[in-house]
Amino acid sequence: MSENKHFSDLLLKRQSELKALSATGDEASRPVELDQARVGRLSRMDALQGQAMSQEARRRRELELVRTSKALKRLELDEYGECLTCGEKIAIGRLEVDPAATLCIGCAESANG
């Protein structure tokens, strides 16, 4: 199997997983019931915290879906695996861990400072 096919398969699998998680995660991010007669104060606080965590998880999934889509586009354009900052090849090991990586380890470390 070619490297491009391997990474394409990894990215498509990740994209599918993220979409499936998005479908199941929507339930937890629904508005919280604030009727004090029906739900106790601590229960509402727990529900609000759960809702906030669910919304953040959804935001992260959406960002990861964008990163994955862009990586698939780079594969189509034969630009996959090149650092967007310096143009050098991104290490295969790094791409195995994060197939949507856009920076080589040196540029990533520089960016994080």
C-alpha atoms as a PDB file:
ATOM      1  CA  MET A   1       0.000   0.000   0.000  1.00  0.00           C
ATOM      2  CA  SER A   2       1.391   3.402  -0.932  1.00  0.00           C
ATOM      3  CA  GLU A   3       2.035   6.004   1.766  1.00  0.00           C
ATOM      4  CA  ASN A   4      -0.601   8.318   0.306  1.00  0.00           C
ATOM      5  CA  LYS A   5      -3.225   5.558   0.326  1.00  0.00           C
ATOM      6  CA  HIS A   6      -2.281   4.644   3.891  1.00  0.00           C
ATOM      7  CA  PHE A   7      -2.648   8.227   5.134  1.00  0.00           C
ATOM      8  CA  SER A   8      -5.793   8.768   3.089  1.00  0.00           C
ATOM      9  CA  ASP A   9      -7.316   5.722   4.774  1.00  0.00           C
ATOM     10  CA  LEU A  10      -6.257   7.011   8.218  1.00  0.00           C
ATOM     11  CA  LEU A  11      -7.738  10.450   7.534  1.00  0.00           C
ATOM     12  CA  LEU A  12     -10.999   9.075   6.143  1.00  0.00           C
ATOM     13  CA  LYS A  13     -11.362   6.734   9.121  1.00  0.00           C
ATOM     14  CA  ARG A  14     -10.748   9.629  11.536  1.00  0.00           C
ATOM     15  CA  GLN A  15     -13.235  11.808   9.654  1.00  0.00           C
ATOM     16  CA  SER A  16     -15.863   9.077   9.897  1.00  0.00           C
ATOM     17  CA  GLU A  17     -15.214   8.636  13.645  1.00  0.00           C
ATOM     18  CA  LEU A  18     -15.523  12.378  14.258  1.00  0.00           C
ATOM     19  CA  LYS A  19     -18.804  12.579  12.344  1.00  0.00           C
ATOM     20  CA  ALA A  20     -20.188   9.644  14.335  1.00  0.00           C
ATOM     21  CA  LEU A  21     -19.159  11.305  17.605  1.00  0.00           C
ATOM     22  CA  SER A  22     -20.785  14.542  16.490  1.00  0.00           C
ATOM     23  CA  ALA A  23     -24.069  12.753  15.913  1.00  0.00           C
ATOM     24  CA  THR A  24     -24.072  11.220  19.407  1.00  0.00           C
ATOM     25  CA  GLY A  25     -22.646  14.285  21.193  1.00  0.00           C
ATOM     26  CA  ASP A  26     -25.472  16.620  20.209  1.00  0.00           C
ATOM     27  CA  GLU A  27     -27.751  15.169  22.890  1.00  0.00           C
ATOM     28  CA  ALA A  28     -25.528  16.382  25.762  1.00  0.00           C
ATOM     29  CA  SER A  29     -25.238  19.927  24.447  1.00  0.00           C
ATOM     30  CA  ARG A  30     -28.986  20.592  24.471  1.00  0.00           C
ATOM     31  CA  PRO A  31     -30.233  23.525  26.577  1.00  0.00           C
ATOM     32  CA  VAL A  32     -30.362  22.815  30.302  1.00  0.00           C
ATOM     33  CA  GLU A  33     -33.725  22.784  32.073  1.00  0.00           C
ATOM     34  CA  LEU A  34     -33.709  25.616  34.624  1.00  0.00           C
ATOM     35  CA  ASP A  35     -37.050  24.876  36.295  1.00  0.00           C
ATOM     36  CA  GLN A  36     -36.147  24.966  40.002  1.00  0.00           C
ATOM     37  CA  ALA A  37     -39.271  23.074  40.962  1.00  0.00           C
ATOM     38  CA  ARG A  38     -38.244  20.054  38.884  1.00  0.00           C
ATOM     39  CA  VAL A  39     -34.444  20.065  39.123  1.00  0.00           C
ATOM     40  CA  GLY A  40     -32.308  20.792  42.184  1.00  0.00           C
ATOM     41  CA  ARG A  41     -29.590  23.463  42.205  1.00  0.00           C
ATOM     42  CA  LEU A  42     -26.673  21.025  42.187  1.00  0.00           C
ATOM     43  CA  SER A  43     -28.263  18.974  39.437  1.00  0.00           C
ATOM     44  CA  ARG A  44     -28.636  22.124  37.325  1.00  0.00           C
ATOM     45  CA  MET A  45     -25.007  23.056  37.997  1.00  0.00           C
ATOM     46  CA  ASP A  46     -23.900  19.566  36.952  1.00  0.00           C
ATOM     47  CA  ALA A  47     -26.067  19.798  33.844  1.00  0.00           C
ATOM     48  CA  LEU A  48     -24.617  23.222  32.963  1.00  0.00           C
ATOM     49  CA  GLN A  49     -21.080  21.920  33.426  1.00  0.00           C
ATOM     50  CA  GLY A  50     -21.860  18.862  31.296  1.00  0.00           C
ATOM     51  CA  GLN A  51     -23.378  21.095  28.635  1.00  0.00           C
ATOM     52  CA  ALA A  52     -20.283  23.351  28.564  1.00  0.00           C
ATOM     53  CA  MET A  53     -17.989  20.331  28.304  1.00  0.00           C
ATOM     54  CA  SER A  54     -20.100  18.892  25.498  1.00  0.00           C
ATOM     55  CA  GLN A  55     -20.050  22.180  23.598  1.00  0.00           C
ATOM     56  CA  GLU A  56     -16.248  22.382  23.906  1.00  0.00           C
ATOM     57  CA  ALA A  57     -15.885  18.783  22.736  1.00  0.00           C
ATOM     58  CA  ARG A  58     -18.097  19.592  19.740  1.00  0.00           C
ATOM     59  CA  ARG A  59     -15.971  22.662  18.931  1.00  0.00           C
ATOM     60  CA  ARG A  60     -12.809  20.537  19.041  1.00  0.00           C
ATOM     61  CA  ARG A  61     -14.386  17.856  16.830  1.00  0.00           C
ATOM     62  CA  GLU A  62     -15.357  20.514  14.294  1.00  0.00           C
ATOM     63  CA  LEU A  63     -11.786  21.876  14.265  1.00  0.00           C
ATOM     64  CA  GLU A  64     -10.419  18.359  13.832  1.00  0.00           C
ATOM     65  CA  LEU A  65     -12.837  17.757  10.949  1.00  0.00           C
ATOM     66  CA  VAL A  66     -11.545  20.921   9.250  1.00  0.00           C
ATOM     67  CA  ARG A  67      -7.925  19.825   9.788  1.00  0.00           C
ATOM     68  CA  THR A  68      -8.741  16.374   8.386  1.00  0.00           C
ATOM     69  CA  SER A  69     -10.505  17.804   5.329  1.00  0.00           C
ATOM     70  CA  LYS A  70      -7.557  20.096   4.622  1.00  0.00           C
ATOM     71  CA  ALA A  71      -5.138  17.178   4.929  1.00  0.00           C
ATOM     72  CA  LEU A  72      -7.208  15.174   2.431  1.00  0.00           C
ATOM     73  CA  LYS A  73      -7.131  18.172   0.071  1.00  0.00           C
ATOM     74  CA  ARG A  74      -3.322  18.354   0.419  1.00  0.00           C
ATOM     75  CA  LEU A  75      -3.202  14.660  -0.513  1.00  0.00           C
ATOM     76  CA  GLU A  76      -5.194  15.409  -3.684  1.00  0.00           C
ATOM     77  CA  LEU A  77      -2.821  18.257  -4.554  1.00  0.00           C
ATOM     78  CA  ASP A  78       0.241  16.085  -3.845  1.00  0.00           C
ATOM     79  CA  GLU A  79       1.303  18.502  -1.092  1.00  0.00           C
ATOM     80  CA  TYR A  80       0.651  16.159   1.808  1.00  0.00           C
ATOM     81  CA  GLY A  81       3.435  15.646   4.332  1.00  0.00           C
ATOM     82  CA  GLU A  82       5.157  18.962   3.605  1.00  0.00           C
ATOM     83  CA  CYS A  83       5.604  21.463   6.433  1.00  0.00           C
ATOM     84  CA  LEU A  84       3.506  24.550   5.698  1.00  0.00           C
ATOM     85  CA  THR A  85       6.155  26.780   7.300  1.00  0.00           C
ATOM     86  CA  CYS A  86       9.513  25.553   6.010  1.00  0.00           C
ATOM     87  CA  GLY A  87       8.494  23.196   3.189  1.00  0.00           C
ATOM     88  CA  GLU A  88      10.493  20.255   4.561  1.00  0.00           C
ATOM     89  CA  LYS A  89       9.027  16.766   4.788  1.00  0.00           C
ATOM     90  CA  ILE A  90       7.129  15.985   7.982  1.00  0.00           C
ATOM     91  CA  ALA A  91       8.452  12.832   9.658  1.00  0.00           C
ATOM     92  CA  ILE A  92       6.404   9.713   8.931  1.00  0.00           C
ATOM     93  CA  GLY A  93       6.206   8.960  12.663  1.00  0.00           C
ATOM     94  CA  ARG A  94       4.648  12.360  13.288  1.00  0.00           C
ATOM     95  CA  LEU A  95       2.087  11.766  10.524  1.00  0.00           C
ATOM     96  CA  GLU A  96       1.274   8.345  11.979  1.00  0.00           C
ATOM     97  CA  VAL A  97       0.411  10.002  15.303  1.00  0.00           C
ATOM     98  CA  ASP A  98      -1.390  12.974  13.697  1.00  0.00           C
ATOM     99  CA  PRO A  99      -2.168  12.416  10.006  1.00  0.00           C
ATOM    100  CA  ALA A 100      -3.499  15.996   9.778  1.00  0.00           C
ATOM    101  CA  ALA A 101      -0.221  17.536  11.007  1.00  0.00           C
ATOM    102  CA  THR A 102       0.785  20.632   9.043  1.00  0.00           C
ATOM    103  CA  LEU A 103       4.156  21.405  10.624  1.00  0.00           C
ATOM    104  CA  CYS A 104       7.398  19.499  11.042  1.00  0.00           C
ATOM    105  CA  ILE A 105       8.470  18.997  14.632  1.00  0.00           C
ATOM    106  CA  GLY A 106      10.999  21.859  14.461  1.00  0.00           C
ATOM    107  CA  CYS A 107       8.441  24.405  13.240  1.00  0.00           C
ATOM    108  CA  ALA A 108       5.810  23.096  15.686  1.00  0.00           C
ATOM    109  CA  GLU A 109       8.223  23.552  18.596  1.00  0.00           C
ATOM    110  CA  SER A 110       9.114  27.059  17.387  1.00  0.00           C
ATOM    111  CA  ALA A 111       5.430  27.969  17.098  1.00  0.00           C
ATOM    112  CA  ASN A 112       4.731  26.784  20.654  1.00  0.00           C
ATOM    113  CA  GLY A 113       7.635  28.685  21.849  1.00  0.00           C
END
